Amino acid sequence: MSFSNSTVMTTATFRLSPELKARVDNLAKMTRRSPSSLYSQLVEDHIGELEEVYRFLAIRDGIKAGTIKTYTAEEVEKELGL
C-alpha cells in the first residue's frame, strides 16, 4: 500500500454480503489490520484491472455496434507495404 501520513483520505460506503464481510473481518483479525485498511488495499490493488476490463468491454461493444472500425491483417499489411 502506498499511503503516506500526509495522504488525504475520504470515506466510501458500499454494501457487502454478510459472508464477504465476515471474510474481511476474519482477515483483519488474522493480520491485525483494520477492515478499512484491507478494503483500501483491495481497491488500490485491483482498480486498474477493473478499469481495463471495462475499457475492453466498451471497445467490444463499439466493434459490435459498428462505431469502431476494424481492419483485417491483409488490410494492415497492404497499408504498411508488407
PDB file of N, CA and C in Angstrom:
ATOM      1  N   MET A   1       0.843  -1.164   0.000  1.00  0.00           N
ATOM      2  CA  MET A   1       0.000   0.000   0.000  1.00  0.00           C
ATOM      3  C   MET A   1       0.888   1.228   0.000  1.00  0.00           C
ATOM      4  N   SER A   2       0.468   2.259  -0.740  1.00  0.00           N
ATOM      5  CA  SER A   2       1.341   3.411  -0.893  1.00  0.00           C
ATOM      6  C   SER A   2       0.788   4.661  -0.229  1.00  0.00           C
ATOM      7  N   PHE A   3       0.120   4.536   0.902  1.00  0.00           N
ATOM      8  CA  PHE A   3      -0.396   5.696   1.611  1.00  0.00           C
ATOM      9  C   PHE A   3       0.698   6.284   2.481  1.00  0.00           C
ATOM     10  N   SER A   4       0.727   7.598   2.529  1.00  0.00           N
ATOM     11  CA  SER A   4       1.652   8.250   3.447  1.00  0.00           C
ATOM     12  C   SER A   4       0.828   8.962   4.516  1.00  0.00           C
ATOM     13  N   ASN A   5       1.486   9.427   5.549  1.00  0.00           N
ATOM     14  CA  ASN A   5       0.782  10.123   6.623  1.00  0.00           C
ATOM     15  C   ASN A   5       0.108  11.391   6.138  1.00  0.00           C
ATOM     16  N   SER A   6       0.613  11.990   5.055  1.00  0.00           N
ATOM     17  CA  SER A   6       0.038  13.241   4.564  1.00  0.00           C
ATOM     18  C   SER A   6      -1.052  13.018   3.516  1.00  0.00           C
ATOM     19  N   THR A   7      -1.371  11.764   3.192  1.00  0.00           N
ATOM     20  CA  THR A   7      -2.394  11.478   2.202  1.00  0.00           C
ATOM     21  C   THR A   7      -3.765  11.823   2.761  1.00  0.00           C
ATOM     22  N   VAL A   8      -4.522  12.604   2.011  1.00  0.00           N
ATOM     23  CA  VAL A   8      -5.883  12.934   2.402  1.00  0.00           C
ATOM     24  C   VAL A   8      -6.781  11.785   1.961  1.00  0.00           C
ATOM     25  N   MET A   9      -7.578  11.290   2.880  1.00  0.00           N
ATOM     26  CA  MET A   9      -8.455  10.161   2.586  1.00  0.00           C
ATOM     27  C   MET A   9      -9.903  10.629   2.667  1.00  0.00           C
ATOM     28  N   THR A  10     -10.783   9.920   1.995  1.00  0.00           N
ATOM     29  CA  THR A  10     -12.206  10.191   2.061  1.00  0.00           C
ATOM     30  C   THR A  10     -12.926   8.890   2.374  1.00  0.00           C
ATOM     31  N   THR A  11     -14.192   8.980   2.677  1.00  0.00           N
ATOM     32  CA  THR A  11     -14.975   7.814   3.054  1.00  0.00           C
ATOM     33  C   THR A  11     -15.811   7.342   1.881  1.00  0.00           C
ATOM     34  N   ALA A  12     -15.891   6.040   1.710  1.00  0.00           N
ATOM     35  CA  ALA A  12     -16.761   5.426   0.715  1.00  0.00           C
ATOM     36  C   ALA A  12     -17.668   4.448   1.450  1.00  0.00           C
ATOM     37  N   THR A  13     -18.900   4.373   1.015  1.00  0.00           N
ATOM     38  CA  THR A  13     -19.846   3.444   1.625  1.00  0.00           C
ATOM     39  C   THR A  13     -20.325   2.479   0.559  1.00  0.00           C
ATOM     40  N   PHE A  14     -20.319   1.200   0.872  1.00  0.00           N
ATOM     41  CA  PHE A  14     -20.807   0.196  -0.065  1.00  0.00           C
ATOM     42  C   PHE A  14     -21.362  -0.982   0.706  1.00  0.00           C
ATOM     43  N   ARG A  15     -22.125  -1.814   0.034  1.00  0.00           N
ATOM     44  CA  ARG A  15     -22.759  -2.962   0.673  1.00  0.00           C
ATOM     45  C   ARG A  15     -22.016  -4.242   0.314  1.00  0.00           C
ATOM     46  N   LEU A  16     -21.925  -5.134   1.301  1.00  0.00           N
ATOM     47  CA  LEU A  16     -21.300  -6.444   1.117  1.00  0.00           C
ATOM     48  C   LEU A  16     -22.258  -7.510   1.618  1.00  0.00           C
ATOM     49  N   SER A  17     -22.129  -8.692   1.078  1.00  0.00           N
ATOM     50  CA  SER A  17     -22.878  -9.817   1.632  1.00  0.00           C
ATOM     51  C   SER A  17     -22.323 -10.102   3.024  1.00  0.00           C
ATOM     52  N   PRO A  18     -23.140 -10.657   3.901  1.00  0.00           N
ATOM     53  CA  PRO A  18     -22.633 -11.000   5.240  1.00  0.00           C
ATOM     54  C   PRO A  18     -21.431 -11.942   5.174  1.00  0.00           C
ATOM     55  N   GLU A  19     -21.434 -12.844   4.213  1.00  0.00           N
ATOM     56  CA  GLU A  19     -20.329 -13.795   4.087  1.00  0.00           C
ATOM     57  C   GLU A  19     -19.027 -13.085   3.721  1.00  0.00           C
ATOM     58  N   LEU A  20     -19.106 -12.145   2.781  1.00  0.00           N
ATOM     59  CA  LEU A  20     -17.901 -11.425   2.366  1.00  0.00           C
ATOM     60  C   LEU A  20     -17.398 -10.523   3.489  1.00  0.00           C
ATOM     61  N   LYS A  21     -18.305  -9.860   4.181  1.00  0.00           N
ATOM     62  CA  LYS A  21     -17.888  -9.021   5.315  1.00  0.00           C
ATOM     63  C   LYS A  21     -17.214  -9.870   6.384  1.00  0.00           C
ATOM     64  N   ALA A  22     -17.742 -11.059   6.656  1.00  0.00           N
ATOM     65  CA  ALA A  22     -17.137 -11.946   7.654  1.00  0.00           C
ATOM     66  C   ALA A  22     -15.726 -12.342   7.232  1.00  0.00           C
ATOM     67  N   ARG A  23     -15.530 -12.589   5.935  1.00  0.00           N
ATOM     68  CA  ARG A  23     -14.195 -12.946   5.453  1.00  0.00           C
ATOM     69  C   ARG A  23     -13.210 -11.805   5.663  1.00  0.00           C
ATOM     70  N   VAL A  24     -13.650 -10.576   5.347  1.00  0.00           N
ATOM     71  CA  VAL A  24     -12.772  -9.418   5.541  1.00  0.00           C
ATOM     72  C   VAL A  24     -12.487  -9.227   7.029  1.00  0.00           C
ATOM     73  N   ASP A  25     -13.515  -9.343   7.854  1.00  0.00           N
ATOM     74  CA  ASP A  25     -13.321  -9.193   9.303  1.00  0.00           C
ATOM     75  C   ASP A  25     -12.353 -10.243   9.848  1.00  0.00           C
ATOM     76  N   ASN A  26     -12.490 -11.474   9.388  1.00  0.00           N
ATOM     77  CA  ASN A  26     -11.573 -12.533   9.822  1.00  0.00           C
ATOM     78  C   ASN A  26     -10.144 -12.248   9.382  1.00  0.00           C
ATOM     79  N   LEU A  27      -9.981 -11.793   8.153  1.00  0.00           N
ATOM     80  CA  LEU A  27      -8.645 -11.462   7.658  1.00  0.00           C
ATOM     81  C   LEU A  27      -8.059 -10.294   8.445  1.00  0.00           C
ATOM     82  N   ALA A  28      -8.894  -9.331   8.779  1.00  0.00           N
ATOM     83  CA  ALA A  28      -8.425  -8.187   9.567  1.00  0.00           C
ATOM     84  C   ALA A  28      -7.904  -8.660  10.922  1.00  0.00           C
ATOM     85  N   LYS A  29      -8.644  -9.537  11.570  1.00  0.00           N
ATOM     86  CA  LYS A  29      -8.190 -10.063  12.864  1.00  0.00           C
ATOM     87  C   LYS A  29      -6.892 -10.849  12.707  1.00  0.00           C
ATOM     88  N   MET A  30      -6.851 -11.667  11.669  1.00  0.00           N
ATOM     89  CA  MET A  30      -5.690 -12.515  11.447  1.00  0.00           C
ATOM     90  C   MET A  30      -4.427 -11.683  11.180  1.00  0.00           C
ATOM     91  N   THR A  31      -4.583 -10.581  10.465  1.00  0.00           N
ATOM     92  CA  THR A  31      -3.436  -9.761  10.079  1.00  0.00           C
ATOM     93  C   THR A  31      -3.227  -8.564  11.006  1.00  0.00           C
ATOM     94  N   ARG A  32      -4.123  -8.418  11.989  1.00  0.00           N
ATOM     95  CA  ARG A  32      -4.066  -7.290  12.918  1.00  0.00           C
ATOM     96  C   ARG A  32      -4.112  -5.949  12.197  1.00  0.00           C
ATOM     97  N   ARG A  33      -4.955  -5.906  11.177  1.00  0.00           N
ATOM     98  CA  ARG A  33      -5.184  -4.674  10.419  1.00  0.00           C
ATOM     99  C   ARG A  33      -6.660  -4.324  10.536  1.00  0.00           C
ATOM    100  N   SER A  34      -6.998  -3.110  10.213  1.00  0.00           N
ATOM    101  CA  SER A  34      -8.404  -2.718  10.249  1.00  0.00           C
ATOM    102  C   SER A  34      -9.084  -3.195   8.958  1.00  0.00           C
ATOM    103  N   PRO A  35     -10.373  -3.507   9.052  1.00  0.00           N
ATOM    104  CA  PRO A  35     -11.101  -3.838   7.820  1.00  0.00           C
ATOM    105  C   PRO A  35     -10.990  -2.711   6.795  1.00  0.00           C
ATOM    106  N   SER A  36     -11.029  -1.473   7.257  1.00  0.00           N
ATOM    107  CA  SER A  36     -10.924  -0.330   6.352  1.00  0.00           C
ATOM    108  C   SER A  36      -9.620  -0.352   5.560  1.00  0.00           C
ATOM    109  N   SER A  37      -8.524  -0.696   6.218  1.00  0.00           N
ATOM    110  CA  SER A  37      -7.241  -0.736   5.506  1.00  0.00           C
ATOM    111  C   SER A  37      -7.229  -1.853   4.467  1.00  0.00           C
ATOM    112  N   LEU A  38      -7.912  -2.953   4.764  1.00  0.00           N
ATOM    113  CA  LEU A  38      -7.999  -4.047   3.792  1.00  0.00           C
ATOM    114  C   LEU A  38      -8.835  -3.643   2.584  1.00  0.00           C
ATOM    115  N   TYR A  39      -9.965  -2.972   2.834  1.00  0.00           N
ATOM    116  CA  TYR A  39     -10.794  -2.505   1.712  1.00  0.00           C
ATOM    117  C   TYR A  39      -9.998  -1.541   0.838  1.00  0.00           C
ATOM    118  N   SER A  40      -9.265  -0.626   1.472  1.00  0.00           N
ATOM    119  CA  SER A  40      -8.460   0.332   0.709  1.00  0.00           C
ATOM    120  C   SER A  40      -7.417  -0.377  -0.139  1.00  0.00           C
ATOM    121  N   GLN A  41      -6.761  -1.362   0.464  1.00  0.00           N
ATOM    122  CA  GLN A  41      -5.733  -2.094  -0.273  1.00  0.00           C
ATOM    123  C   GLN A  41      -6.347  -2.856  -1.442  1.00  0.00           C
ATOM    124  N   LEU A  42      -7.480  -3.493  -1.207  1.00  0.00           N
ATOM    125  CA  LEU A  42      -8.142  -4.243  -2.281  1.00  0.00           C
ATOM    126  C   LEU A  42      -8.496  -3.340  -3.455  1.00  0.00           C
ATOM    127  N   VAL A  43      -9.055  -2.179  -3.158  1.00  0.00           N
ATOM    128  CA  VAL A  43      -9.424  -1.257  -4.232  1.00  0.00           C
ATOM    129  C   VAL A  43      -8.178  -0.761  -4.952  1.00  0.00           C
ATOM    130  N   GLU A  44      -7.187  -0.324  -4.182  1.00  0.00           N
ATOM    131  CA  GLU A  44      -5.958   0.199  -4.793  1.00  0.00           C
ATOM    132  C   GLU A  44      -5.274  -0.845  -5.671  1.00  0.00           C
ATOM    133  N   ASP A  45      -5.218  -2.081  -5.189  1.00  0.00           N
ATOM    134  CA  ASP A  45      -4.514  -3.132  -5.919  1.00  0.00           C
ATOM    135  C   ASP A  45      -5.258  -3.625  -7.152  1.00  0.00           C
ATOM    136  N   HIS A  46      -6.589  -3.463  -7.189  1.00  0.00           N
ATOM    137  CA  HIS A  46      -7.358  -4.089  -8.268  1.00  0.00           C
ATOM    138  C   HIS A  46      -8.182  -3.144  -9.128  1.00  0.00           C
ATOM    139  N   ILE A  47      -8.196  -1.864  -8.819  1.00  0.00           N
ATOM    140  CA  ILE A  47      -8.991  -0.930  -9.619  1.00  0.00           C
ATOM    141  C   ILE A  47      -8.491  -0.876 -11.062  1.00  0.00           C
ATOM    142  N   GLY A  48      -7.192  -0.985 -11.256  1.00  0.00           N
ATOM    143  CA  GLY A  48      -6.641  -0.961 -12.616  1.00  0.00           C
ATOM    144  C   GLY A  48      -7.137  -2.122 -13.457  1.00  0.00           C
ATOM    145  N   GLU A  49      -7.252  -3.290 -12.841  1.00  0.00           N
ATOM    146  CA  GLU A  49      -7.763  -4.463 -13.561  1.00  0.00           C
ATOM    147  C   GLU A  49      -9.205  -4.242 -13.999  1.00  0.00           C
ATOM    148  N   LEU A  50     -10.026  -3.710 -13.099  1.00  0.00           N
ATOM    149  CA  LEU A  50     -11.423  -3.456 -13.445  1.00  0.00           C
ATOM    150  C   LEU A  50     -11.543  -2.396 -14.531  1.00  0.00           C
ATOM    151  N   GLU A  51     -10.723  -1.343 -14.445  1.00  0.00           N
ATOM    152  CA  GLU A  51     -10.739  -0.302 -15.480  1.00  0.00           C
ATOM    153  C   GLU A  51     -10.402  -0.906 -16.841  1.00  0.00           C
ATOM    154  N   GLU A  52      -9.411  -1.776 -16.865  1.00  0.00           N
ATOM    155  CA  GLU A  52      -9.006  -2.408 -18.115  1.00  0.00           C
ATOM    156  C   GLU A  52     -10.115  -3.291 -18.681  1.00  0.00           C
ATOM    157  N   VAL A  53     -10.742  -4.086 -17.837  1.00  0.00           N
ATOM    158  CA  VAL A  53     -11.835  -4.951 -18.286  1.00  0.00           C
ATOM    159  C   VAL A  53     -12.949  -4.114 -18.897  1.00  0.00           C
ATOM    160  N   TYR A  54     -13.352  -3.038 -18.217  1.00  0.00           N
ATOM    161  CA  TYR A  54     -14.444  -2.225 -18.728  1.00  0.00           C
ATOM    162  C   TYR A  54     -14.057  -1.462 -19.989  1.00  0.00           C
ATOM    163  N   ARG A  55     -12.775  -1.085 -20.127  1.00  0.00           N
ATOM    164  CA  ARG A  55     -12.321  -0.473 -21.388  1.00  0.00           C
ATOM    165  C   ARG A  55     -12.452  -1.465 -22.532  1.00  0.00           C
ATOM    166  N   PHE A  56     -12.017  -2.718 -22.295  1.00  0.00           N
ATOM    167  CA  PHE A  56     -12.118  -3.736 -23.337  1.00  0.00           C
ATOM    168  C   PHE A  56     -13.573  -4.030 -23.693  1.00  0.00           C
ATOM    169  N   LEU A  57     -14.443  -4.058 -22.699  1.00  0.00           N
ATOM    170  CA  LEU A  57     -15.863  -4.291 -22.972  1.00  0.00           C
ATOM    171  C   LEU A  57     -16.455  -3.155 -23.800  1.00  0.00           C
ATOM    172  N   ALA A  58     -16.045  -1.927 -23.528  1.00  0.00           N
ATOM    173  CA  ALA A  58     -16.526  -0.787 -24.307  1.00  0.00           C
ATOM    174  C   ALA A  58     -16.032  -0.879 -25.746  1.00  0.00           C
ATOM    175  N   ILE A  59     -14.788  -1.304 -25.928  1.00  0.00           N
ATOM    176  CA  ILE A  59     -14.258  -1.481 -27.287  1.00  0.00           C
ATOM    177  C   ILE A  59     -15.025  -2.581 -28.003  1.00  0.00           C
ATOM    178  N   ARG A  60     -15.239  -3.706 -27.314  1.00  0.00           N
ATOM    179  CA  ARG A  60     -16.003  -4.804 -27.908  1.00  0.00           C
ATOM    180  C   ARG A  60     -17.392  -4.336 -28.335  1.00  0.00           C
ATOM    181  N   ASP A  61     -18.047  -3.582 -27.460  1.00  0.00           N
ATOM    182  CA  ASP A  61     -19.387  -3.097 -27.785  1.00  0.00           C
ATOM    183  C   ASP A  61     -19.356  -2.138 -28.966  1.00  0.00           C
ATOM    184  N   GLY A  62     -18.315  -1.308 -29.047  1.00  0.00           N
ATOM    185  CA  GLY A  62     -18.174  -0.393 -30.176  1.00  0.00           C
ATOM    186  C   GLY A  62     -17.954  -1.136 -31.483  1.00  0.00           C
ATOM    187  N   ILE A  63     -17.192  -2.211 -31.429  1.00  0.00           N
ATOM    188  CA  ILE A  63     -16.969  -3.029 -32.629  1.00  0.00           C
ATOM    189  C   ILE A  63     -18.276  -3.680 -33.061  1.00  0.00           C
ATOM    190  N   LYS A  64     -19.001  -4.247 -32.096  1.00  0.00           N
ATOM    191  CA  LYS A  64     -20.288  -4.880 -32.406  1.00  0.00           C
ATOM    192  C   LYS A  64     -21.283  -3.883 -32.984  1.00  0.00           C
ATOM    193  N   ALA A  65     -21.273  -2.649 -32.453  1.00  0.00           N
ATOM    194  CA  ALA A  65     -22.212  -1.626 -32.914  1.00  0.00           C
ATOM    195  C   ALA A  65     -21.763  -0.975 -34.215  1.00  0.00           C
ATOM    196  N   GLY A  66     -20.536  -1.242 -34.634  1.00  0.00           N
ATOM    197  CA  GLY A  66     -20.021  -0.662 -35.862  1.00  0.00           C
ATOM    198  C   GLY A  66     -19.495   0.748 -35.698  1.00  0.00           C
ATOM    199  N   THR A  67     -19.322   1.208 -34.479  1.00  0.00           N
ATOM    200  CA  THR A  67     -18.809   2.557 -34.256  1.00  0.00           C
ATOM    201  C   THR A  67     -17.287   2.593 -34.137  1.00  0.00           C
ATOM    202  N   ILE A  68     -16.663   1.424 -34.048  1.00  0.00           N
ATOM    203  CA  ILE A  68     -15.205   1.319 -34.034  1.00  0.00           C
ATOM    204  C   ILE A  68     -14.800   0.512 -35.261  1.00  0.00           C
ATOM    205  N   LYS A  69     -13.956   1.104 -36.082  1.00  0.00           N
ATOM    206  CA  LYS A  69     -13.517   0.450 -37.319  1.00  0.00           C
ATOM    207  C   LYS A  69     -12.454  -0.586 -37.003  1.00  0.00           C
ATOM    208  N   THR A  70     -12.558  -1.731 -37.638  1.00  0.00           N
ATOM    209  CA  THR A  70     -11.541  -2.767 -37.513  1.00  0.00           C
ATOM    210  C   THR A  70     -10.919  -3.018 -38.880  1.00  0.00           C
ATOM    211  N   TYR A  71      -9.761  -3.629 -38.886  1.00  0.00           N
ATOM    212  CA  TYR A  71      -9.031  -3.892 -40.113  1.00  0.00           C
ATOM    213  C   TYR A  71      -8.569  -5.338 -40.124  1.00  0.00           C
ATOM    214  N   THR A  72      -8.575  -5.937 -41.291  1.00  0.00           N
ATOM    215  CA  THR A  72      -8.052  -7.291 -41.415  1.00  0.00           C
ATOM    216  C   THR A  72      -6.525  -7.228 -41.452  1.00  0.00           C
ATOM    217  N   ALA A  73      -5.897  -8.369 -41.221  1.00  0.00           N
ATOM    218  CA  ALA A  73      -4.435  -8.428 -41.293  1.00  0.00           C
ATOM    219  C   ALA A  73      -3.973  -8.041 -42.696  1.00  0.00           C
ATOM    220  N   GLU A  74      -4.703  -8.472 -43.689  1.00  0.00           N
ATOM    221  CA  GLU A  74      -4.337  -8.139 -45.069  1.00  0.00           C
ATOM    222  C   GLU A  74      -4.402  -6.630 -45.313  1.00  0.00           C
ATOM    223  N   GLU A  75      -5.422  -5.949 -44.773  1.00  0.00           N
ATOM    224  CA  GLU A  75      -5.532  -4.509 -44.927  1.00  0.00           C
ATOM    225  C   GLU A  75      -4.356  -3.800 -44.245  1.00  0.00           C
ATOM    226  N   VAL A  76      -3.965  -4.253 -43.082  1.00  0.00           N
ATOM    227  CA  VAL A  76      -2.848  -3.654 -42.360  1.00  0.00           C
ATOM    228  C   VAL A  76      -1.555  -3.860 -43.135  1.00  0.00           C
ATOM    229  N   GLU A  77      -1.332  -5.087 -43.609  1.00  0.00           N
ATOM    230  CA  GLU A  77      -0.120  -5.368 -44.386  1.00  0.00           C
ATOM    231  C   GLU A  77      -0.060  -4.513 -45.633  1.00  0.00           C
ATOM    232  N   LYS A  78      -1.180  -4.364 -46.325  1.00  0.00           N
ATOM    233  CA  LYS A  78      -1.209  -3.559 -47.547  1.00  0.00           C
ATOM    234  C   LYS A  78      -0.898  -2.101 -47.204  1.00  0.00           C
ATOM    235  N   GLU A  79      -1.521  -1.575 -46.163  1.00  0.00           N
ATOM    236  CA  GLU A  79      -1.299  -0.183 -45.764  1.00  0.00           C
ATOM    237  C   GLU A  79       0.169   0.060 -45.388  1.00  0.00           C
ATOM    238  N   LEU A  80       0.803  -0.933 -44.766  1.00  0.00           N
ATOM    239  CA  LEU A  80       2.191  -0.787 -44.334  1.00  0.00           C
ATOM    240  C   LEU A  80       3.186  -1.202 -45.419  1.00  0.00           C
ATOM    241  N   GLY A  81       2.673  -1.691 -46.529  1.00  0.00           N
ATOM    242  CA  GLY A  81       3.548  -2.099 -47.622  1.00  0.00           C
ATOM    243  C   GLY A  81       4.321  -3.373 -47.326  1.00  0.00           C
ATOM    244  N   LEU A  82       3.718  -4.274 -46.585  1.00  0.00           N
ATOM    245  CA  LEU A  82       4.391  -5.521 -46.225  1.00  0.00           C
ATOM    246  C   LEU A  82       4.060  -6.636 -47.192  1.00  0.00           C
TER     247      LEU A  82
END
